[in-house]
C-alpha atoms as a PDB file:
ATOM      1  CA  MET A   1      17.482  18.491  -2.714  1.00  0.00           C
ATOM      2  CA  ASP A   2      20.522  19.726  -4.606  1.00  0.00           C
ATOM      3  CA  ASP A   3      20.137  19.621  -8.386  1.00  0.00           C
ATOM      4  CA  ALA A   4      23.496  17.838  -8.692  1.00  0.00           C
ATOM      5  CA  VAL A   5      22.530  14.762  -6.654  1.00  0.00           C
ATOM      6  CA  PRO A   6      20.889  11.707  -8.266  1.00  0.00           C
ATOM      7  CA  ARG A   7      17.127  11.777  -8.620  1.00  0.00           C
ATOM      8  CA  ASP A   8      16.727   8.191  -9.800  1.00  0.00           C
ATOM      9  CA  PHE A   9      17.759   4.945  -8.147  1.00  0.00           C
ATOM     10  CA  PRO A  10      20.245   3.626 -10.746  1.00  0.00           C
ATOM     11  CA  ALA A  11      22.224   6.878 -10.575  1.00  0.00           C
ATOM     12  CA  LEU A  12      22.082   6.851  -6.768  1.00  0.00           C
ATOM     13  CA  ARG A  13      23.247   3.242  -6.668  1.00  0.00           C
ATOM     14  CA  ALA A  14      26.187   4.136  -8.911  1.00  0.00           C
ATOM     15  CA  LEU A  15      27.073   7.081  -6.662  1.00  0.00           C
ATOM     16  CA  ILE A  16      26.971   4.951  -3.524  1.00  0.00           C
ATOM     17  CA  ALA A  17      29.147   2.294  -5.170  1.00  0.00           C
ATOM     18  CA  ALA A  18      31.672   4.951  -6.241  1.00  0.00           C
ATOM     19  CA  ARG A  19      31.793   6.655  -2.842  1.00  0.00           C
ATOM     20  CA  ALA A  20      31.737   3.534  -0.649  1.00  0.00           C
ATOM     21  CA  PRO A  21      35.545   2.992  -0.554  1.00  0.00           C
ATOM     22  CA  THR A  22      36.106   6.476   0.878  1.00  0.00           C
ATOM     23  CA  LEU A  23      33.254   6.522   3.407  1.00  0.00           C
ATOM     24  CA  PRO A  24      33.838   6.076   7.159  1.00  0.00           C
ATOM     25  CA  ARG A  25      33.040   2.634   8.540  1.00  0.00           C
ATOM     26  CA  ARG A  26      29.571   3.491   9.873  1.00  0.00           C
ATOM     27  CA  LEU A  27      28.552   5.203   6.648  1.00  0.00           C
ATOM     28  CA  THR A  28      29.840   2.221   4.677  1.00  0.00           C
ATOM     29  CA  GLN A  29      27.626   0.051   6.858  1.00  0.00           C
ATOM     30  CA  VAL A  30      24.597   2.182   5.921  1.00  0.00           C
ATOM     31  CA  ALA A  31      25.591   2.121   2.233  1.00  0.00           C
ATOM     32  CA  SER A  32      25.743  -1.667   2.231  1.00  0.00           C
ATOM     33  CA  PHE A  33      22.379  -1.945   3.966  1.00  0.00           C
ATOM     34  CA  ALA A  34      20.754   0.549   1.569  1.00  0.00           C
ATOM     35  CA  LEU A  35      21.898  -1.316  -1.534  1.00  0.00           C
ATOM     36  CA  ASP A  36      20.878  -4.701  -0.127  1.00  0.00           C
ATOM     37  CA  ASN A  37      17.524  -3.548   1.308  1.00  0.00           C
ATOM     38  CA  PRO A  38      16.139  -0.699  -0.854  1.00  0.00           C
ATOM     39  CA  ASP A  39      12.517  -1.484   0.059  1.00  0.00           C
ATOM     40  CA  ASP A  40      13.318  -1.120   3.763  1.00  0.00           C
ATOM     41  CA  ILE A  41      14.778   2.328   3.096  1.00  0.00           C
ATOM     42  CA  ALA A  42      11.685   3.319   1.102  1.00  0.00           C
ATOM     43  CA  PHE A  43       9.094   2.102   3.611  1.00  0.00           C
ATOM     44  CA  GLY A  44      10.871   2.531   6.938  1.00  0.00           C
ATOM     45  CA  THR A  45      11.191   5.400   9.340  1.00  0.00           C
ATOM     46  CA  ALA A  46      14.582   6.797  10.285  1.00  0.00           C
ATOM     47  CA  ALA A  47      14.341   4.953  13.598  1.00  0.00           C
ATOM     48  CA  SER A  48      13.404   1.591  12.071  1.00  0.00           C
ATOM     49  CA  VAL A  49      16.038   1.821   9.316  1.00  0.00           C
ATOM     50  CA  ALA A  50      18.689   2.787  11.872  1.00  0.00           C
ATOM     51  CA  GLN A  51      17.768  -0.153  14.068  1.00  0.00           C
ATOM     52  CA  ARG A  52      17.842  -2.643  11.204  1.00  0.00           C
ATOM     53  CA  SER A  53      21.124  -1.347   9.837  1.00  0.00           C
ATOM     54  CA  GLY A  54      22.734  -1.239  13.291  1.00  0.00           C
ATOM     55  CA  VAL A  55      23.472   2.504  13.463  1.00  0.00           C
ATOM     56  CA  GLN A  56      22.092   5.638  15.105  1.00  0.00           C
ATOM     57  CA  PRO A  57      19.455   7.735  13.263  1.00  0.00           C
ATOM     58  CA  SER A  58      21.970  10.583  13.135  1.00  0.00           C
ATOM     59  CA  THR A  59      24.222   8.327  11.065  1.00  0.00           C
ATOM     60  CA  LEU A  60      21.519   8.127   8.402  1.00  0.00           C
ATOM     61  CA  VAL A  61      21.499  11.910   8.223  1.00  0.00           C
ATOM     62  CA  ARG A  62      25.291  12.022   7.914  1.00  0.00           C
ATOM     63  CA  PHE A  63      25.200   9.367   5.205  1.00  0.00           C
ATOM     64  CA  SER A  64      22.572  11.317   3.259  1.00  0.00           C
ATOM     65  CA  GLN A  65      24.507  14.558   3.545  1.00  0.00           C
ATOM     66  CA  ALA A  66      27.740  12.827   2.522  1.00  0.00           C
ATOM     67  CA  LEU A  67      26.016  12.003  -0.775  1.00  0.00           C
ATOM     68  CA  GLY A  68      24.835  15.589  -1.215  1.00  0.00           C
ATOM     69  CA  TYR A  69      21.261  15.337   0.103  1.00  0.00           C
ATOM     70  CA  GLN A  70      19.799  17.711   2.666  1.00  0.00           C
ATOM     71  CA  GLY A  71      18.790  14.886   4.956  1.00  0.00           C
ATOM     72  CA  PHE A  72      17.496  11.331   5.190  1.00  0.00           C
ATOM     73  CA  SER A  73      14.006  12.200   3.935  1.00  0.00           C
ATOM     74  CA  ASP A  74      15.496  13.660   0.741  1.00  0.00           C
ATOM     75  CA  LEU A  75      17.499  10.499   0.148  1.00  0.00           C
ATOM     76  CA  GLN A  76      14.515   8.333   1.017  1.00  0.00           C
ATOM     77  CA  GLU A  77      12.431   9.961  -1.707  1.00  0.00           C
ATOM     78  CA  VAL A  78      14.723   8.433  -4.347  1.00  0.00           C
ATOM     79  CA  PHE A  79      14.065   4.978  -2.906  1.00  0.00           C
ATOM     80  CA  ARG A  80      10.315   5.652  -2.908  1.00  0.00           C
ATOM     81  CA  ALA A  81      10.469   6.845  -6.508  1.00  0.00           C
ATOM     82  CA  ARG A  82      12.116   3.539  -7.385  1.00  0.00           C
ATOM     83  CA  LEU A  83       9.011   1.713  -6.126  1.00  0.00           C
ATOM     84  CA  ARG A  84       6.699   3.955  -8.134  1.00  0.00           C
ATOM     85  CA  ASP A  85       8.793   3.556 -11.264  1.00  0.00           C
ATOM     86  CA  ARG A  86       9.199  -0.206 -11.075  1.00  0.00           C
ATOM     87  CA  VAL A  87       5.506  -1.070 -11.602  1.00  0.00           C
ATOM     88  CA  PRO A  88       5.674  -2.890 -14.954  1.00  0.00           C
ATOM     89  CA  SER A  89       3.213  -2.303 -17.766  1.00  0.00           C
ATOM     90  CA  TYR A  90       0.926  -5.142 -18.782  1.00  0.00           C
ATOM     91  CA  GLU A  91       2.932  -5.561 -21.990  1.00  0.00           C
ATOM     92  CA  GLU A  92       6.083  -6.016 -19.905  1.00  0.00           C
ATOM     93  CA  ARG A  93       4.348  -8.531 -17.663  1.00  0.00           C
ATOM     94  CA  LEU A  94       3.203 -10.624 -20.630  1.00  0.00           C
ATOM     95  CA  LYS A  95       6.717 -10.471 -22.054  1.00  0.00           C
ATOM     96  CA  GLN A  96       8.075 -11.843 -18.775  1.00  0.00           C
ATOM     97  CA  LEU A  97       5.562 -14.673 -18.893  1.00  0.00           C
ATOM     98  CA  ARG A  98       6.542 -15.580 -22.459  1.00  0.00           C
ATOM     99  CA  GLU A  99      10.206 -15.623 -21.489  1.00  0.00           C
ATOM    100  CA  HIS A 100       9.366 -18.181 -18.807  1.00  0.00           C
ATOM    101  CA  GLY A 101       7.251 -20.248 -21.155  1.00  0.00           C
ATOM    102  CA  GLY A 102       4.115 -19.347 -19.243  1.00  0.00           C
ATOM    103  CA  SER A 103       2.074 -18.315 -22.282  1.00  0.00           C
ATOM    104  CA  SER A 104       1.898 -21.927 -23.523  1.00  0.00           C
ATOM    105  CA  LYS A 105       1.846 -23.776 -20.189  1.00  0.00           C
ATOM    106  CA  SER A 106      -1.316 -23.030 -18.263  1.00  0.00           C
ATOM    107  CA  GLY A 107      -0.308 -25.344 -15.431  1.00  0.00           C
ATOM    108  CA  LEU A 108       2.766 -23.248 -14.704  1.00  0.00           C
ATOM    109  CA  LEU A 109       0.614 -20.125 -14.639  1.00  0.00           C
ATOM    110  CA  LEU A 110      -1.793 -21.718 -12.171  1.00  0.00           C
ATOM    111  CA  GLN A 111       1.086 -22.818  -9.966  1.00  0.00           C
ATOM    112  CA  GLY A 112       2.621 -19.350 -10.041  1.00  0.00           C
ATOM    113  CA  PHE A 113      -0.602 -17.516  -9.218  1.00  0.00           C
ATOM    114  CA  ALA A 114      -1.566 -20.051  -6.538  1.00  0.00           C
ATOM    115  CA  ASP A 115       1.848 -19.656  -4.891  1.00  0.00           C
ATOM    116  CA  ALA A 116       1.487 -15.865  -4.944  1.00  0.00           C
ATOM    117  CA  ALA A 117      -1.967 -16.130  -3.363  1.00  0.00           C
ATOM    118  CA  GLU A 118      -0.642 -18.410  -0.629  1.00  0.00           C
ATOM    119  CA  ARG A 119       2.245 -16.059   0.141  1.00  0.00           C
ATOM    120  CA  SER A 120      -0.120 -13.090   0.305  1.00  0.00           C
ATOM    121  CA  VAL A 121      -2.491 -14.759   2.749  1.00  0.00           C
ATOM    122  CA  ALA A 122       0.398 -16.059   4.891  1.00  0.00           C
ATOM    123  CA  ASP A 123       1.858 -12.547   5.072  1.00  0.00           C
ATOM    124  CA  LEU A 124      -1.549 -11.134   6.063  1.00  0.00           C
ATOM    125  CA  ARG A 125      -1.872 -13.648   8.900  1.00  0.00           C
ATOM    126  CA  LEU A 126       1.605 -12.837  10.128  1.00  0.00           C
ATOM    127  CA  LYS A 127       1.535  -9.049   9.987  1.00  0.00           C
ATOM    128  CA  LEU A 128      -2.057  -7.881  10.549  1.00  0.00           C
ATOM    129  CA  ASP A 129      -2.478  -6.439  14.042  1.00  0.00           C
ATOM    130  CA  PRO A 130      -5.677  -7.810  15.676  1.00  0.00           C
ATOM    131  CA  ASP A 131      -6.233  -4.573  17.598  1.00  0.00           C
ATOM    132  CA  THR A 132      -6.087  -2.541  14.379  1.00  0.00           C
ATOM    133  CA  LEU A 133      -8.546  -4.939  12.761  1.00  0.00           C
ATOM    134  CA  ASP A 134     -10.912  -4.590  15.732  1.00  0.00           C
ATOM    135  CA  ALA A 135     -10.647  -0.797  15.536  1.00  0.00           C
ATOM    136  CA  ALA A 136     -11.607  -0.873  11.847  1.00  0.00           C
ATOM    137  CA  VAL A 137     -14.569  -3.145  12.565  1.00  0.00           C
ATOM    138  CA  GLU A 138     -15.738  -0.847  15.378  1.00  0.00           C
ATOM    139  CA  ILE A 139     -15.655   2.230  13.143  1.00  0.00           C
ATOM    140  CA  LEU A 140     -17.563   0.521  10.343  1.00  0.00           C
ATOM    141  CA  ALA A 141     -20.077  -1.080  12.721  1.00  0.00           C
ATOM    142  CA  LYS A 142     -20.977   2.312  14.204  1.00  0.00           C
ATOM    143  CA  ALA A 143     -21.477   3.988  10.824  1.00  0.00           C
ATOM    144  CA  GLU A 144     -24.963   4.814   9.654  1.00  0.00           C
ATOM    145  CA  THR A 145     -23.890   4.183   6.061  1.00  0.00           C
ATOM    146  CA  ILE A 146     -20.629   2.647   4.854  1.00  0.00           C
ATOM    147  CA  TYR A 147     -19.315   4.223   1.650  1.00  0.00           C
ATOM    148  CA  LEU A 148     -17.158   1.764  -0.291  1.00  0.00           C
ATOM    149  CA  VAL A 149     -14.465   3.458  -2.378  1.00  0.00           C
ATOM    150  CA  GLY A 150     -12.041   1.401  -4.430  1.00  0.00           C
ATOM    151  CA  LEU A 151     -11.590   2.045  -8.123  1.00  0.00           C
ATOM    152  CA  ARG A 152      -9.554   0.413 -10.882  1.00  0.00           C
ATOM    153  CA  ARG A 153      -7.778  -2.678  -9.511  1.00  0.00           C
ATOM    154  CA  SER A 154      -9.585  -2.457  -6.153  1.00  0.00           C
ATOM    155  CA  PHE A 155     -13.093  -2.265  -7.619  1.00  0.00           C
ATOM    156  CA  PRO A 156     -13.752  -6.042  -7.503  1.00  0.00           C
ATOM    157  CA  ILE A 157     -13.140  -5.909  -3.745  1.00  0.00           C
ATOM    158  CA  THR A 158     -15.567  -3.075  -3.011  1.00  0.00           C
ATOM    159  CA  SER A 159     -18.113  -4.602  -5.418  1.00  0.00           C
ATOM    160  CA  TYR A 160     -18.042  -7.861  -3.478  1.00  0.00           C
ATOM    161  CA  MET A 161     -18.360  -6.014  -0.173  1.00  0.00           C
ATOM    162  CA  ALA A 162     -21.374  -4.074  -1.436  1.00  0.00           C
ATOM    163  CA  TYR A 163     -23.035  -7.351  -2.428  1.00  0.00           C
ATOM    164  CA  ALA A 164     -22.214  -9.109   0.843  1.00  0.00           C
ATOM    165  CA  MET A 165     -23.152  -6.148   3.049  1.00  0.00           C
ATOM    166  CA  GLY A 166     -26.476  -5.871   1.252  1.00  0.00           C
ATOM    167  CA  LYS A 167     -27.197  -9.529   1.942  1.00  0.00           C
ATOM    168  CA  LEU A 168     -26.275  -9.021   5.607  1.00  0.00           C
ATOM    169  CA  GLY A 169     -28.495  -5.958   6.023  1.00  0.00           C
ATOM    170  CA  ILE A 170     -25.648  -3.449   6.320  1.00  0.00           C
ATOM    171  CA  ARG A 171     -26.498  -0.110   4.770  1.00  0.00           C
ATOM    172  CA  ASN A 172     -23.816   0.785   2.246  1.00  0.00           C
ATOM    173  CA  LEU A 173     -23.166   2.779  -0.893  1.00  0.00           C
ATOM    174  CA  LEU A 174     -20.787   1.531  -3.572  1.00  0.00           C
ATOM    175  CA  VAL A 175     -18.987   4.544  -5.031  1.00  0.00           C
ATOM    176  CA  ASP A 176     -18.368   3.333  -8.576  1.00  0.00           C
ATOM    177  CA  GLY A 177     -17.582   6.652 -10.249  1.00  0.00           C
ATOM    178  CA  ILE A 178     -19.682   5.773 -13.301  1.00  0.00           C
ATOM    179  CA  ALA A 179     -20.125   8.760 -15.625  1.00  0.00           C
ATOM    180  CA  GLY A 180     -17.636  10.655 -13.476  1.00  0.00           C
ATOM    181  CA  LEU A 181     -20.135  10.942 -10.632  1.00  0.00           C
ATOM    182  CA  GLY A 182     -17.844   9.786  -7.836  1.00  0.00           C
ATOM    183  CA  ALA A 183     -17.750  13.228  -6.220  1.00  0.00           C
ATOM    184  CA  GLU A 184     -21.538  13.445  -6.304  1.00  0.00           C
ATOM    185  CA  GLN A 185     -21.853   9.966  -4.780  1.00  0.00           C
ATOM    186  CA  ILE A 186     -19.482  10.765  -1.922  1.00  0.00           C
ATOM    187  CA  GLY A 187     -21.131  14.175  -1.497  1.00  0.00           C
ATOM    188  CA  PHE A 188     -23.931  12.675   0.593  1.00  0.00           C
ATOM    189  CA  ILE A 189     -21.558  11.414   3.279  1.00  0.00           C
ATOM    190  CA  SER A 190     -21.892  12.868   6.791  1.00  0.00           C
ATOM    191  CA  PRO A 191     -20.116  12.626  10.173  1.00  0.00           C
ATOM    192  CA  ARG A 192     -22.484   9.761  11.019  1.00  0.00           C
ATOM    193  CA  ASP A 193     -21.020   7.687   8.173  1.00  0.00           C
ATOM    194  CA  ALA A 194     -17.726   5.987   7.391  1.00  0.00           C
ATOM    195  CA  VAL A 195     -15.794   5.397   4.191  1.00  0.00           C
ATOM    196  CA  LEU A 196     -13.779   2.277   3.476  1.00  0.00           C
ATOM    197  CA  ALA A 197     -11.106   3.285   0.954  1.00  0.00           C
ATOM    198  CA  ILE A 198      -8.973   0.688  -0.836  1.00  0.00           C
ATOM    199  CA  SER A 199      -6.010   1.507  -3.060  1.00  0.00           C
ATOM    200  CA  PHE A 200      -2.563   0.123  -3.819  1.00  0.00           C
ATOM    201  CA  THR A 201       0.539   1.295  -5.665  1.00  0.00           C
ATOM    202  CA  PRO A 202       0.447   3.224  -8.004  1.00  0.00           C
ATOM    203  CA  TYR A 203      -2.800   4.394  -6.275  1.00  0.00           C
ATOM    204  CA  ALA A 204      -5.968   5.348  -8.126  1.00  0.00           C
ATOM    205  CA  SER A 205      -6.105   9.147  -8.065  1.00  0.00           C
ATOM    206  CA  GLU A 206      -9.903   9.233  -7.883  1.00  0.00           C
ATOM    207  CA  THR A 207      -9.933   6.916  -4.861  1.00  0.00           C
ATOM    208  CA  VAL A 208      -7.449   9.234  -3.144  1.00  0.00           C
ATOM    209  CA  ASN A 209      -9.503  12.333  -3.985  1.00  0.00           C
ATOM    210  CA  LEU A 210     -12.762  10.758  -2.812  1.00  0.00           C
ATOM    211  CA  ALA A 211     -11.220   9.600   0.467  1.00  0.00           C
ATOM    212  CA  HIS A 212      -9.934  13.125   1.112  1.00  0.00           C
ATOM    213  CA  ALA A 213     -13.380  14.528   0.269  1.00  0.00           C
ATOM    214  CA  ALA A 214     -14.986  12.193   2.797  1.00  0.00           C
ATOM    215  CA  LYS A 215     -12.478  13.227   5.446  1.00  0.00           C
ATOM    216  CA  ALA A 216     -13.211  16.883   4.726  1.00  0.00           C
ATOM    217  CA  ARG A 217     -16.896  16.183   5.490  1.00  0.00           C
ATOM    218  CA  HIS A 218     -15.833  14.735   8.881  1.00  0.00           C
ATOM    219  CA  ALA A 219     -16.700  11.126   8.092  1.00  0.00           C
ATOM    220  CA  LYS A 220     -14.629   8.347   9.628  1.00  0.00           C
ATOM    221  CA  VAL A 221     -12.099   6.786   7.255  1.00  0.00           C
ATOM    222  CA  VAL A 222     -10.817   3.223   7.221  1.00  0.00           C
ATOM    223  CA  SER A 223      -8.135   2.532   4.603  1.00  0.00           C
ATOM    224  CA  ILE A 224      -6.770  -0.685   3.149  1.00  0.00           C
ATOM    225  CA  THR A 225      -3.482   0.006   1.413  1.00  0.00           C
ATOM    226  CA  ASP A 226       0.109  -1.195   1.053  1.00  0.00           C
ATOM    227  CA  SER A 227       2.302   1.353   2.808  1.00  0.00           C
ATOM    228  CA  ILE A 228       2.402   4.055   5.443  1.00  0.00           C
ATOM    229  CA  PHE A 229       3.442   6.323   2.570  1.00  0.00           C
ATOM    230  CA  SER A 230       0.185   5.642   0.711  1.00  0.00           C
ATOM    231  CA  PRO A 231      -1.860   8.835   0.240  1.00  0.00           C
ATOM    232  CA  ILE A 232      -4.877   7.214   1.919  1.00  0.00           C
ATOM    233  CA  ALA A 233      -2.967   6.074   5.032  1.00  0.00           C
ATOM    234  CA  PRO A 234      -2.348   9.387   6.864  1.00  0.00           C
ATOM    235  CA  ILE A 235      -5.961  10.572   6.523  1.00  0.00           C
ATOM    236  CA  ALA A 236      -7.402   7.349   7.934  1.00  0.00           C
ATOM    237  CA  ASP A 237      -8.740   6.959  11.458  1.00  0.00           C
ATOM    238  CA  THR A 238      -7.277   3.487  11.171  1.00  0.00           C
ATOM    239  CA  TRP A 239      -5.643   1.691   8.256  1.00  0.00           C
ATOM    240  CA  LEU A 240      -4.874  -1.913   7.413  1.00  0.00           C
ATOM    241  CA  GLU A 241      -1.711  -2.847   5.542  1.00  0.00           C
ATOM    242  CA  ILE A 242      -1.638  -5.475   2.809  1.00  0.00           C
ATOM    243  CA  VAL A 243       1.297  -6.155   0.507  1.00  0.00           C
ATOM    244  CA  GLU A 244       0.170  -8.693  -2.084  1.00  0.00           C
ATOM    245  CA  ALA A 245       2.727 -11.059  -3.594  1.00  0.00           C
ATOM    246  CA  ASP A 246       2.988 -11.127  -7.367  1.00  0.00           C
ATOM    247  CA  PHE A 247       3.751 -13.603 -10.105  1.00  0.00           C
ATOM    248  CA  GLU A 248       5.613 -12.108 -13.068  1.00  0.00           C
ATOM    249  CA  GLY A 249       4.322  -8.649 -12.145  1.00  0.00           C
ATOM    250  CA  PHE A 250       0.659  -9.681 -11.758  1.00  0.00           C
ATOM    251  CA  ARG A 251      -0.316  -9.119  -8.145  1.00  0.00           C
ATOM    252  CA  SER A 252      -2.553 -11.476  -6.214  1.00  0.00           C
ATOM    253  CA  MET A 253      -5.772 -10.186  -4.637  1.00  0.00           C
ATOM    254  CA  ALA A 254      -6.226 -13.166  -2.352  1.00  0.00           C
ATOM    255  CA  ALA A 255      -5.250 -11.457   0.893  1.00  0.00           C
ATOM    256  CA  THR A 256      -7.310  -8.361   0.127  1.00  0.00           C
ATOM    257  CA  MET A 257     -10.390 -10.468  -0.573  1.00  0.00           C
ATOM    258  CA  ALA A 258      -9.851 -12.451   2.625  1.00  0.00           C
ATOM    259  CA  LEU A 259      -9.647  -9.212   4.593  1.00  0.00           C
ATOM    260  CA  ALA A 260     -12.741  -7.837   2.829  1.00  0.00           C
ATOM    261  CA  MET A 261     -14.734 -10.927   3.779  1.00  0.00           C
ATOM    262  CA  THR A 262     -13.451 -10.701   7.351  1.00  0.00           C
ATOM    263  CA  LEU A 263     -14.458  -7.054   7.705  1.00  0.00           C
ATOM    264  CA  THR A 264     -17.891  -7.608   6.195  1.00  0.00           C
ATOM    265  CA  VAL A 265     -18.848 -10.535   8.403  1.00  0.00           C
ATOM    266  CA  ALA A 266     -17.233  -9.000  11.508  1.00  0.00           C
ATOM    267  CA  VAL A 267     -19.203  -5.768  11.044  1.00  0.00           C
ATOM    268  CA  ALA A 268     -22.438  -7.705  10.672  1.00  0.00           C
ATOM    269  CA  SER A 269     -21.624  -9.703  13.813  1.00  0.00           C
ATOM    270  CA  ARG A 270     -20.743  -6.581  15.791  1.00  0.00           C
ATOM    271  CA  ARG A 271     -23.986  -4.882  14.778  1.00  0.00           C
ATOM    272  CA  GLY A 272     -25.897  -7.993  15.799  1.00  0.00           C
ATOM    273  CA  GLU A 273     -24.337  -7.868  19.265  1.00  0.00           C
ATOM    274  CA  LYS A 274     -25.570  -4.317  19.688  1.00  0.00           C
END
């Protein structure tokens, strides 16, 4: 990427707005779509973005180069950086709640979080591919031991799964990373085993490292994450996408927990059939 082109989204948005009047019609069409749908640019492929914006993939390349970028992937990185940068701190989230009166009205908080949970579960029902779910269940059901890796925000999910799998007689190991021993815990994994890795933006670095370590030891990997651009998606034998809704910056975990319960019980059922 040229040093002179914008490296942050506000500067890129300003550049697009300034250049739009002089762009050819097709490039103007892409510019309008990009400003109205920045998440689609960040998460999509060139083919999917081209289809949604009504142009050819080559037009995306021409649009990117017209702004000074080497190609669409260079431009796309700015949109992805916007997603990484927009995750608010907890202080910012509490400030947003106070501005909406939420800090003194518990009922409004409950309504907001319940709505977010409902949206998350509805989105999961709509978007989760049954064949991908079955593939994940098959991998986990065949594993001698299931290693559960999900730190920071995802730890409550893997903790529940460890409890439930234990009750259902499924051999598992909860990688909790206590005392910095995550690498030692995952070090026992073998090609006969599988790891279930869970992580969401901004992605727990230790979860990513442990998932890569498991892959390097030729274990099967099933990932639960929020984007194809997640660092634990490309290494997975199969991965399940969840994008949780949020209320004032606090993301729901309802859909992830529903999926965790589904996987746990489905694996137990599949093992019982065998």
